[in-house]
Full PDB file with SEQRES, HELIX, SHEET, SSBOND, CRYST1, ORIGX, SCALE, CONECT and MASTER records, all heavy atoms in Angstrom:
SEQRES   1 A   34  ILE THR ILE ASN PHE ASN SER SER ARG LEU ILE LYS LYS          
SEQRES   2 A   34  ASN ILE GLU ARG ALA LYS ILE TRP PRO ILE PRO PRO LYS          
SEQRES   3 A   34  TYR LEU ILE ILE ASN TYR ARG THR                              
HELIX    1 AA1 PHE A    5  SER A    7  5                                   3    
HELIX    2 AA2 SER A    8  ARG A   17  1                                  10    
CRYST1    1.000    1.000    1.000  90.00  90.00  90.00 P 1           1          
ORIGX1      1.000000  0.000000  0.000000        0.00000                         
ORIGX2      0.000000  1.000000  0.000000        0.00000                         
ORIGX3      0.000000  0.000000  1.000000        0.00000                         
SCALE1      1.000000  0.000000  0.000000        0.00000                         
SCALE2      0.000000  1.000000  0.000000        0.00000                         
SCALE3      0.000000  0.000000  1.000000        0.00000                         
ATOM      1  N   ILE A   1      90.444  92.086 110.613  1.00  0.00           N  
ATOM      2  CA  ILE A   1      91.315  91.631 111.690  1.00  0.00           C  
ATOM      3  C   ILE A   1      92.530  92.546 111.709  1.00  0.00           C  
ATOM      4  O   ILE A   1      93.170  92.743 110.676  1.00  0.00           O  
ATOM      5  CB  ILE A   1      91.755  90.173 111.476  1.00  0.00           C  
ATOM      6  CG1 ILE A   1      90.546  89.239 111.437  1.00  0.00           C  
ATOM      7  CG2 ILE A   1      92.707  89.717 112.568  1.00  0.00           C  
ATOM      8  CD1 ILE A   1      90.188  88.801 110.077  1.00  0.00           C  
ATOM      9  N   THR A   2      92.835  93.104 112.867  1.00  0.00           N  
ATOM     10  CA  THR A   2      93.962  94.009 113.013  1.00  0.00           C  
ATOM     11  C   THR A   2      94.830  93.528 114.169  1.00  0.00           C  
ATOM     12  O   THR A   2      94.317  93.037 115.169  1.00  0.00           O  
ATOM     13  CB  THR A   2      93.478  95.451 113.315  1.00  0.00           C  
ATOM     14  OG1 THR A   2      92.519  95.826 112.336  1.00  0.00           O  
ATOM     15  CG2 THR A   2      94.620  96.439 113.303  1.00  0.00           C  
ATOM     16  N   ILE A   3      96.131  93.698 114.019  1.00  0.00           N  
ATOM     17  CA  ILE A   3      97.074  93.331 115.070  1.00  0.00           C  
ATOM     18  C   ILE A   3      97.347  94.547 115.948  1.00  0.00           C  
ATOM     19  O   ILE A   3      97.547  95.657 115.443  1.00  0.00           O  
ATOM     20  CB  ILE A   3      98.400  92.819 114.458  1.00  0.00           C  
ATOM     21  CG1 ILE A   3      98.137  91.588 113.584  1.00  0.00           C  
ATOM     22  CG2 ILE A   3      99.430  92.529 115.524  1.00  0.00           C  
ATOM     23  CD1 ILE A   3      97.522  90.415 114.313  1.00  0.00           C  
ATOM     24  N   ASN A   4      97.354  94.347 117.251  1.00  0.00           N  
ATOM     25  CA  ASN A   4      97.703  95.393 118.206  1.00  0.00           C  
ATOM     26  C   ASN A   4      99.062  95.976 117.815  1.00  0.00           C  
ATOM     27  O   ASN A   4      99.999  95.242 117.521  1.00  0.00           O  
ATOM     28  CB  ASN A   4      97.747  94.773 119.607  1.00  0.00           C  
ATOM     29  CG  ASN A   4      98.101  95.768 120.681  1.00  0.00           C  
ATOM     30  OD1 ASN A   4      98.707  96.801 120.443  1.00  0.00           O  
ATOM     31  ND2 ASN A   4      97.709  95.439 121.887  1.00  0.00           N  
ATOM     32  N   PHE A   5      99.171  97.286 117.838  1.00  0.00           N  
ATOM     33  CA  PHE A   5     100.406  97.960 117.429  1.00  0.00           C  
ATOM     34  C   PHE A   5     101.630  97.442 118.190  1.00  0.00           C  
ATOM     35  O   PHE A   5     102.706  97.279 117.637  1.00  0.00           O  
ATOM     36  CB  PHE A   5     100.272  99.476 117.615  1.00  0.00           C  
ATOM     37  CG  PHE A   5     101.511 100.225 117.241  1.00  0.00           C  
ATOM     38  CD1 PHE A   5     101.840 100.434 115.907  1.00  0.00           C  
ATOM     39  CD2 PHE A   5     102.369 100.707 118.215  1.00  0.00           C  
ATOM     40  CE1 PHE A   5     102.990 101.117 115.560  1.00  0.00           C  
ATOM     41  CE2 PHE A   5     103.525 101.388 117.883  1.00  0.00           C  
ATOM     42  CZ  PHE A   5     103.830 101.596 116.541  1.00  0.00           C  
ATOM     43  N   ASN A   6     101.481  97.153 119.472  1.00  0.00           N  
ATOM     44  CA  ASN A   6     102.605  96.673 120.284  1.00  0.00           C  
ATOM     45  C   ASN A   6     103.132  95.318 119.842  1.00  0.00           C  
ATOM     46  O   ASN A   6     104.254  94.951 120.176  1.00  0.00           O  
ATOM     47  CB  ASN A   6     102.194  96.603 121.760  1.00  0.00           C  
ATOM     48  CG  ASN A   6     101.865  97.974 122.318  1.00  0.00           C  
ATOM     49  OD1 ASN A   6     102.399  98.974 121.882  1.00  0.00           O  
ATOM     50  ND2 ASN A   6     100.951  98.010 123.271  1.00  0.00           N  
ATOM     51  N   SER A   7     102.335  94.562 119.121  1.00  0.00           N  
ATOM     52  CA  SER A   7     102.741  93.231 118.662  1.00  0.00           C  
ATOM     53  C   SER A   7     103.186  93.219 117.209  1.00  0.00           C  
ATOM     54  O   SER A   7     103.540  92.171 116.683  1.00  0.00           O  
ATOM     55  CB  SER A   7     101.577  92.254 118.822  1.00  0.00           C  
ATOM     56  OG  SER A   7     101.150  92.235 120.140  1.00  0.00           O  
ATOM     57  N   SER A   8     103.182  94.348 116.556  1.00  0.00           N  
ATOM     58  CA  SER A   8     103.458  94.377 115.117  1.00  0.00           C  
ATOM     59  C   SER A   8     104.877  93.915 114.773  1.00  0.00           C  
ATOM     60  O   SER A   8     105.086  93.273 113.745  1.00  0.00           O  
ATOM     61  CB  SER A   8     103.191  95.765 114.533  1.00  0.00           C  
ATOM     62  OG  SER A   8     104.005  96.733 115.144  1.00  0.00           O  
ATOM     63  N   ARG A   9     105.850  94.178 115.633  1.00  0.00           N  
ATOM     64  CA  ARG A   9     107.213  93.704 115.348  1.00  0.00           C  
ATOM     65  C   ARG A   9     107.293  92.192 115.376  1.00  0.00           C  
ATOM     66  O   ARG A   9     107.953  91.577 114.549  1.00  0.00           O  
ATOM     67  CB  ARG A   9     108.226  94.303 116.332  1.00  0.00           C  
ATOM     68  CG  ARG A   9     108.587  95.712 115.976  1.00  0.00           C  
ATOM     69  CD  ARG A   9     109.851  96.220 116.584  1.00  0.00           C  
ATOM     70  NE  ARG A   9     110.227  95.646 117.868  1.00  0.00           N  
ATOM     71  CZ  ARG A   9     111.108  96.172 118.683  1.00  0.00           C  
ATOM     72  NH1 ARG A   9     111.690  97.288 118.349  1.00  0.00           N  
ATOM     73  NH2 ARG A   9     111.413  95.594 119.810  1.00  0.00           N  
ATOM     74  N   LEU A  10     106.614  91.581 116.331  1.00  0.00           N  
ATOM     75  CA  LEU A  10     106.574  90.126 116.413  1.00  0.00           C  
ATOM     76  C   LEU A  10     105.929  89.535 115.157  1.00  0.00           C  
ATOM     77  O   LEU A  10     106.438  88.571 114.582  1.00  0.00           O  
ATOM     78  CB  LEU A  10     105.799  89.686 117.652  1.00  0.00           C  
ATOM     79  CG  LEU A  10     105.509  88.192 117.784  1.00  0.00           C  
ATOM     80  CD1 LEU A  10     106.813  87.412 117.970  1.00  0.00           C  
ATOM     81  CD2 LEU A  10     104.563  87.945 118.927  1.00  0.00           C  
ATOM     82  N   ILE A  11     104.847  90.119 114.720  1.00  0.00           N  
ATOM     83  CA  ILE A  11     104.143  89.627 113.529  1.00  0.00           C  
ATOM     84  C   ILE A  11     105.021  89.796 112.293  1.00  0.00           C  
ATOM     85  O   ILE A  11     105.088  88.914 111.439  1.00  0.00           O  
ATOM     86  CB  ILE A  11     102.794  90.343 113.349  1.00  0.00           C  
ATOM     87  CG1 ILE A  11     101.922  90.146 114.573  1.00  0.00           C  
ATOM     88  CG2 ILE A  11     102.098  89.882 112.084  1.00  0.00           C  
ATOM     89  CD1 ILE A  11     101.622  88.713 114.923  1.00  0.00           C  
ATOM     90  N   LYS A  12     105.725  90.921 112.202  1.00  0.00           N  
ATOM     91  CA  LYS A  12     106.629  91.132 111.053  1.00  0.00           C  
ATOM     92  C   LYS A  12     107.714  90.062 111.024  1.00  0.00           C  
ATOM     93  O   LYS A  12     108.072  89.558 109.956  1.00  0.00           O  
ATOM     94  CB  LYS A  12     107.246  92.525 111.108  1.00  0.00           C  
ATOM     95  CG  LYS A  12     106.273  93.615 110.726  1.00  0.00           C  
ATOM     96  CD  LYS A  12     106.900  94.986 110.801  1.00  0.00           C  
ATOM     97  CE  LYS A  12     105.852  96.035 110.495  1.00  0.00           C  
ATOM     98  NZ  LYS A  12     106.357  97.400 110.575  1.00  0.00           N  
ATOM     99  N   LYS A  13     108.225  89.681 112.184  1.00  0.00           N  
ATOM    100  CA  LYS A  13     109.225  88.609 112.232  1.00  0.00           C  
ATOM    101  C   LYS A  13     108.615  87.282 111.797  1.00  0.00           C  
ATOM    102  O   LYS A  13     109.242  86.501 111.077  1.00  0.00           O  
ATOM    103  CB  LYS A  13     109.814  88.478 113.643  1.00  0.00           C  
ATOM    104  CG  LYS A  13     110.775  89.576 113.993  1.00  0.00           C  
ATOM    105  CD  LYS A  13     111.343  89.376 115.384  1.00  0.00           C  
ATOM    106  CE  LYS A  13     112.251  90.528 115.748  1.00  0.00           C  
ATOM    107  NZ  LYS A  13     112.829  90.372 117.081  1.00  0.00           N  
ATOM    108  N   ASN A  14     107.393  87.011 112.220  1.00  0.00           N  
ATOM    109  CA  ASN A  14     106.706  85.788 111.800  1.00  0.00           C  
ATOM    110  C   ASN A  14     106.548  85.745 110.286  1.00  0.00           C  
ATOM    111  O   ASN A  14     106.760  84.711 109.656  1.00  0.00           O  
ATOM    112  CB  ASN A  14     105.320  85.683 112.457  1.00  0.00           C  
ATOM    113  CG  ASN A  14     105.391  85.379 113.932  1.00  0.00           C  
ATOM    114  OD1 ASN A  14     106.413  84.926 114.447  1.00  0.00           O  
ATOM    115  ND2 ASN A  14     104.305  85.638 114.632  1.00  0.00           N  
ATOM    116  N   ILE A  15     106.199  86.869 109.703  1.00  0.00           N  
ATOM    117  CA  ILE A  15     106.006  86.939 108.253  1.00  0.00           C  
ATOM    118  C   ILE A  15     107.332  86.739 107.530  1.00  0.00           C  
ATOM    119  O   ILE A  15     107.405  86.016 106.530  1.00  0.00           O  
ATOM    120  CB  ILE A  15     105.356  88.284 107.854  1.00  0.00           C  
ATOM    121  CG1 ILE A  15     103.925  88.344 108.409  1.00  0.00           C  
ATOM    122  CG2 ILE A  15     105.354  88.469 106.344  1.00  0.00           C  
ATOM    123  CD1 ILE A  15     103.297  89.711 108.359  1.00  0.00           C  
ATOM    124  N   GLU A  16     108.392  87.358 108.040  1.00  0.00           N  
ATOM    125  CA  GLU A  16     109.713  87.206 107.410  1.00  0.00           C  
ATOM    126  C   GLU A  16     110.205  85.762 107.459  1.00  0.00           C  
ATOM    127  O   GLU A  16     110.842  85.289 106.529  1.00  0.00           O  
ATOM    128  CB  GLU A  16     110.729  88.119 108.102  1.00  0.00           C  
ATOM    129  CG  GLU A  16     110.523  89.587 107.809  1.00  0.00           C  
ATOM    130  CD  GLU A  16     111.392  90.485 108.680  1.00  0.00           C  
ATOM    131  OE1 GLU A  16     112.217  89.970 109.471  1.00  0.00           O  
ATOM    132  OE2 GLU A  16     111.240  91.716 108.569  1.00  0.00           O  
ATOM    133  N   ARG A  17     109.903  85.057 108.538  1.00  0.00           N  
ATOM    134  CA  ARG A  17     110.338  83.660 108.689  1.00  0.00           C  
ATOM    135  C   ARG A  17     109.454  82.674 107.933  1.00  0.00           C  
ATOM    136  O   ARG A  17     109.836  81.529 107.753  1.00  0.00           O  
ATOM    137  CB  ARG A  17     110.330  83.259 110.158  1.00  0.00           C  
ATOM    138  CG  ARG A  17     111.396  83.913 110.962  1.00  0.00           C  
ATOM    139  CD  ARG A  17     111.368  83.357 112.385  1.00  0.00           C  
ATOM    140  NE  ARG A  17     111.874  84.360 113.292  1.00  0.00           N  
ATOM    141  CZ  ARG A  17     111.395  84.634 114.481  1.00  0.00           C  
ATOM    142  NH1 ARG A  17     110.363  83.968 114.953  1.00  0.00           N  
ATOM    143  NH2 ARG A  17     111.923  85.559 115.228  1.00  0.00           N  
ATOM    144  N   ALA A  18     108.279  83.111 107.552  1.00  0.00           N  
ATOM    145  CA  ALA A  18     107.305  82.204 106.935  1.00  0.00           C  
ATOM    146  C   ALA A  18     107.811  81.700 105.590  1.00  0.00           C  
ATOM    147  O   ALA A  18     108.499  82.398 104.847  1.00  0.00           O  
ATOM    148  CB  ALA A  18     105.971  82.922 106.744  1.00  0.00           C  
ATOM    149  N   LYS A  19     107.447  80.486 105.312  1.00  0.00           N  
ATOM    150  CA  LYS A  19     107.760  79.911 104.011  1.00  0.00           C  
ATOM    151  C   LYS A  19     106.823  80.514 102.976  1.00  0.00           C  
ATOM    152  O   LYS A  19     105.677  80.840 103.275  1.00  0.00           O  
ATOM    153  CB  LYS A  19     107.582  78.399 104.051  1.00  0.00           C  
ATOM    154  CG  LYS A  19     108.539  77.729 105.014  1.00  0.00           C  
ATOM    155  CD  LYS A  19     108.272  76.253 105.085  1.00  0.00           C  
ATOM    156  CE  LYS A  19     109.205  75.628 106.114  1.00  0.00           C  
ATOM    157  NZ  LYS A  19     108.886  74.233 106.372  1.00  0.00           N  
ATOM    158  N   ILE A  20     107.323  80.656 101.774  1.00  0.00           N  
ATOM    159  CA  ILE A  20     106.512  81.242 100.710  1.00  0.00           C  
ATOM    160  C   ILE A  20     105.333  80.327 100.362  1.00  0.00           C  
ATOM    161  O   ILE A  20     104.244  80.790 100.091  1.00  0.00           O  
ATOM    162  CB  ILE A  20     107.379  81.517  99.463  1.00  0.00           C  
ATOM    163  CG1 ILE A  20     108.402  82.594  99.802  1.00  0.00           C  
ATOM    164  CG2 ILE A  20     106.530  81.929  98.287  1.00  0.00           C  
ATOM    165  CD1 ILE A  20     109.431  82.820  98.728  1.00  0.00           C  
ATOM    166  N   TRP A  21     105.583  79.041 100.388  1.00  0.00           N  
ATOM    167  CA  TRP A  21     104.531  78.095 100.047  1.00  0.00           C  
ATOM    168  C   TRP A  21     103.976  77.471 101.302  1.00  0.00           C  
ATOM    169  O   TRP A  21     104.752  77.159 102.187  1.00  0.00           O  
ATOM    170  CB  TRP A  21     105.090  77.006  99.126  1.00  0.00           C  
ATOM    171  CG  TRP A  21     104.014  76.172  98.527  1.00  0.00           C  
ATOM    172  CD1 TRP A  21     103.637  74.939  98.950  1.00  0.00           C  
ATOM    173  CD2 TRP A  21     103.181  76.504  97.446  1.00  0.00           C  
ATOM    174  NE1 TRP A  21     102.608  74.488  98.181  1.00  0.00           N  
ATOM    175  CE2 TRP A  21     102.309  75.433  97.241  1.00  0.00           C  
ATOM    176  CE3 TRP A  21     103.068  77.625  96.621  1.00  0.00           C  
ATOM    177  CZ2 TRP A  21     101.353  75.432  96.245  1.00  0.00           C  
ATOM    178  CZ3 TRP A  21     102.114  77.620  95.632  1.00  0.00           C  
ATOM    179  CH2 TRP A  21     101.277  76.527  95.461  1.00  0.00           C  
ATOM    180  N   PRO A  22     102.741  77.276 101.484  1.00  0.00           N  
ATOM    181  CA  PRO A  22     101.649  77.600 100.575  1.00  0.00           C  
ATOM    182  C   PRO A  22     101.301  79.087 100.628  1.00  0.00           C  
ATOM    183  O   PRO A  22     101.431  79.724 101.662  1.00  0.00           O  
ATOM    184  CB  PRO A  22     100.489  76.756 101.068  1.00  0.00           C  
ATOM    185  CG  PRO A  22     100.754  76.564 102.520  1.00  0.00           C  
ATOM    186  CD  PRO A  22     102.261  76.560 102.674  1.00  0.00           C  
ATOM    187  N   ILE A  23     100.869  79.577  99.511  1.00  0.00           N  
ATOM    188  CA  ILE A  23     100.442  80.970  99.393  1.00  0.00           C  
ATOM    189  C   ILE A  23      99.136  81.135 100.174  1.00  0.00           C  
ATOM    190  O   ILE A  23      98.295  80.248 100.160  1.00  0.00           O  
ATOM    191  CB  ILE A  23     100.244  81.332  97.906  1.00  0.00           C  
ATOM    192  CG1 ILE A  23     101.583  81.208  97.173  1.00  0.00           C  
ATOM    193  CG2 ILE A  23      99.650  82.722  97.742  1.00  0.00           C  
ATOM    194  CD1 ILE A  23     101.474  81.309  95.675  1.00  0.00           C  
ATOM    195  N   PRO A  24      98.965  82.261 100.864  1.00  0.00           N  
ATOM    196  CA  PRO A  24      97.702  82.465 101.593  1.00  0.00           C  
ATOM    197  C   PRO A  24      96.502  82.345 100.648  1.00  0.00           C  
ATOM    198  O   PRO A  24      96.575  82.713  99.479  1.00  0.00           O  
ATOM    199  CB  PRO A  24      97.824  83.890 102.135  1.00  0.00           C  
ATOM    200  CG  PRO A  24      99.290  84.114 102.252  1.00  0.00           C  
ATOM    201  CD  PRO A  24      99.891  83.366 101.090  1.00  0.00           C  
ATOM    202  N   PRO A  25      95.388  81.823 101.144  1.00  0.00           N  
ATOM    203  CA  PRO A  25      94.201  81.625 100.308  1.00  0.00           C  
ATOM    204  C   PRO A  25      93.643  82.931  99.757  1.00  0.00           C  
ATOM    205  O   PRO A  25      93.793  83.996 100.363  1.00  0.00           O  
ATOM    206  CB  PRO A  25      93.201  80.963 101.243  1.00  0.00           C  
ATOM    207  CG  PRO A  25      93.853  80.807 102.554  1.00  0.00           C  
ATOM    208  CD  PRO A  25      95.205  81.374 102.512  1.00  0.00           C  
ATOM    209  N   LYS A  26      92.971  82.825  98.628  1.00  0.00           N  
ATOM    210  CA  LYS A  26      92.435  84.010  97.940  1.00  0.00           C  
ATOM    211  C   LYS A  26      91.290  84.679  98.690  1.00  0.00           C  
ATOM    212  O   LYS A  26      90.995  85.839  98.432  1.00  0.00           O  
ATOM    213  CB  LYS A  26      91.970  83.628  96.539  1.00  0.00           C  
ATOM    214  CG  LYS A  26      93.104  83.256  95.630  1.00  0.00           C  
ATOM    215  CD  LYS A  26      92.612  82.914  94.250  1.00  0.00           C  
ATOM    216  CE  LYS A  26      93.798  82.542  93.366  1.00  0.00           C  
ATOM    217  NZ  LYS A  26      93.372  82.221  92.004  1.00  0.00           N  
ATOM    218  N   TYR A  27      90.634  83.970  99.598  1.00  0.00           N  
ATOM    219  CA  TYR A  27      89.524  84.587 100.322  1.00  0.00           C  
ATOM    220  C   TYR A  27      90.011  85.506 101.447  1.00  0.00           C  
ATOM    221  O   TYR A  27      89.212  86.158 102.100  1.00  0.00           O  
ATOM    222  CB  TYR A  27      88.554  83.533 100.872  1.00  0.00           C  
ATOM    223  CG  TYR A  27      89.183  82.526 101.791  1.00  0.00           C  
ATOM    224  CD1 TYR A  27      89.351  82.794 103.134  1.00  0.00           C  
ATOM    225  CD2 TYR A  27      89.624  81.307 101.302  1.00  0.00           C  
ATOM    226  CE1 TYR A  27      89.938  81.879 103.984  1.00  0.00           C  
ATOM    227  CE2 TYR A  27      90.212  80.377 102.144  1.00  0.00           C  
ATOM    228  CZ  TYR A  27      90.359  80.666 103.476  1.00  0.00           C  
ATOM    229  OH  TYR A  27      90.945  79.756 104.306  1.00  0.00           O  
ATOM    230  N   LEU A  28      91.332  85.577 101.664  1.00  0.00           N  
ATOM    231  CA  LEU A  28      91.900  86.504 102.645  1.00  0.00           C  
ATOM    232  C   LEU A  28      92.518  87.684 101.916  1.00  0.00           C  
ATOM    233  O   LEU A  28      93.381  87.515 101.064  1.00  0.00           O  
ATOM    234  CB  LEU A  28      92.969  85.811 103.490  1.00  0.00           C  
ATOM    235  CG  LEU A  28      92.517  84.660 104.365  1.00  0.00           C  
ATOM    236  CD1 LEU A  28      93.714  84.073 105.100  1.00  0.00           C  
ATOM    237  CD2 LEU A  28      91.447  85.097 105.335  1.00  0.00           C  
ATOM    238  N   ILE A  29      92.086  88.871 102.267  1.00  0.00           N  
ATOM    239  CA  ILE A  29      92.652  90.092 101.703  1.00  0.00           C  
ATOM    240  C   ILE A  29      93.603  90.621 102.776  1.00  0.00           C  
ATOM    241  O   ILE A  29      93.168  91.077 103.834  1.00  0.00           O  
ATOM    242  CB  ILE A  29      91.552  91.109 101.368  1.00  0.00           C  
ATOM    243  CG1 ILE A  29      90.542  90.465 100.404  1.00  0.00           C  
ATOM    244  CG2 ILE A  29      92.141  92.381 100.795  1.00  0.00           C  
ATOM    245  CD1 ILE A  29      89.196  91.121 100.398  1.00  0.00           C  
ATOM    246  N   ILE A  30      94.908  90.519 102.491  1.00  0.00           N  
ATOM    247  CA  ILE A  30      95.924  90.790 103.504  1.00  0.00           C  
ATOM    248  C   ILE A  30      96.721  92.031 103.135  1.00  0.00           C  
ATOM    249  O   ILE A  30      97.208  92.152 102.017  1.00  0.00           O  
ATOM    250  CB  ILE A  30      96.878  89.585 103.638  1.00  0.00           C  
ATOM    251  CG1 ILE A  30      96.083  88.308 103.899  1.00  0.00           C  
ATOM    252  CG2 ILE A  30      97.900  89.839 104.737  1.00  0.00           C  
ATOM    253  CD1 ILE A  30      96.890  87.041 103.719  1.00  0.00           C  
ATOM    254  N   ASN A  31      96.861  92.940 104.095  1.00  0.00           N  
ATOM    255  CA  ASN A  31      97.728  94.092 103.934  1.00  0.00           C  
ATOM    256  C   ASN A  31      98.849  93.934 104.961  1.00  0.00           C  
ATOM    257  O   ASN A  31      98.640  94.189 106.150  1.00  0.00           O  
ATOM    258  CB  ASN A  31      96.955  95.393 104.150  1.00  0.00           C  
ATOM    259  CG  ASN A  31      97.803  96.605 103.840  1.00  0.00           C  
ATOM    260  OD1 ASN A  31      99.023  96.589 103.976  1.00  0.00           O  
ATOM    261  ND2 ASN A  31      97.145  97.676 103.414  1.00  0.00           N  
ATOM    262  N   TYR A  32     100.002  93.488 104.495  1.00  0.00           N  
ATOM    263  CA  TYR A  32     101.115  93.244 105.409  1.00  0.00           C  
ATOM    264  C   TYR A  32     101.713  94.541 105.951  1.00  0.00           C  
ATOM    265  O   TYR A  32     102.343  94.537 106.991  1.00  0.00           O  
ATOM    266  CB  TYR A  32     102.191  92.410 104.709  1.00  0.00           C  
ATOM    267  CG  TYR A  32     101.747  90.987 104.452  1.00  0.00           C  
ATOM    268  CD1 TYR A  32     101.404  90.562 103.180  1.00  0.00           C  
ATOM    269  CD2 TYR A  32     101.666  90.072 105.496  1.00  0.00           C  
ATOM    270  CE1 TYR A  32     100.995  89.256 102.948  1.00  0.00           C  
ATOM    271  CE2 TYR A  32     101.257  88.774 105.284  1.00  0.00           C  
ATOM    272  CZ  TYR A  32     100.921  88.373 104.007  1.00  0.00           C  
ATOM    273  OH  TYR A  32     100.507  87.086 103.788  1.00  0.00           O  
ATOM    274  N   ARG A  33     101.512  95.635 105.282  1.00  0.00           N  
ATOM    275  CA  ARG A  33     102.041  96.914 105.749  1.00  0.00           C  
ATOM    276  C   ARG A  33     101.264  97.421 106.965  1.00  0.00           C  
ATOM    277  O   ARG A  33     101.849  97.891 107.927  1.00  0.00           O  
ATOM    278  CB  ARG A  33     101.998  97.949 104.624  1.00  0.00           C  
ATOM    279  CG  ARG A  33     102.688  99.258 105.009  1.00  0.00           C  
ATOM    280  CD  ARG A  33     102.738 100.258 103.881  1.00  0.00           C  
ATOM    281  NE  ARG A  33     103.346  99.659 102.698  1.00  0.00           N  
ATOM    282  CZ  ARG A  33     103.019  99.961 101.440  1.00  0.00           C  
ATOM    283  NH1 ARG A  33     102.099 100.855 101.210  1.00  0.00           N  
ATOM    284  NH2 ARG A  33     103.614  99.394 100.437  1.00  0.00           N  
ATOM    285  N   THR A  34      99.931  97.324 106.913  1.00  0.00           N  
ATOM    286  CA  THR A  34      99.105  97.817 108.014  1.00  0.00           C  
ATOM    287  C   THR A  34      98.735  96.714 109.010  1.00  0.00           C  
ATOM    288  O   THR A  34      98.040  96.981 109.984  1.00  0.00           O  
ATOM    289  CB  THR A  34      97.803  98.448 107.479  1.00  0.00           C  
ATOM    290  OG1 THR A  34      97.060  97.434 106.790  1.00  0.00           O  
ATOM    291  CG2 THR A  34      98.096  99.625 106.578  1.00  0.00           C  
TER     292      THR A  34                                                      
MASTER        0    0    0    2    0    0    0    6  291    1    0    3          
END                                                                             
C-alpha cells in the first residue's frame, strides 16, 4: 500500500497527531519514511 505523493504531507500530519497507543499490529510492515 502506497500513499499518493501529493497526499504525503497530510499523512505525515496524521501520523504526528496519532496517539502512540495502541501500537500498530505486527502483521503490518510500515515504512513511515516512504
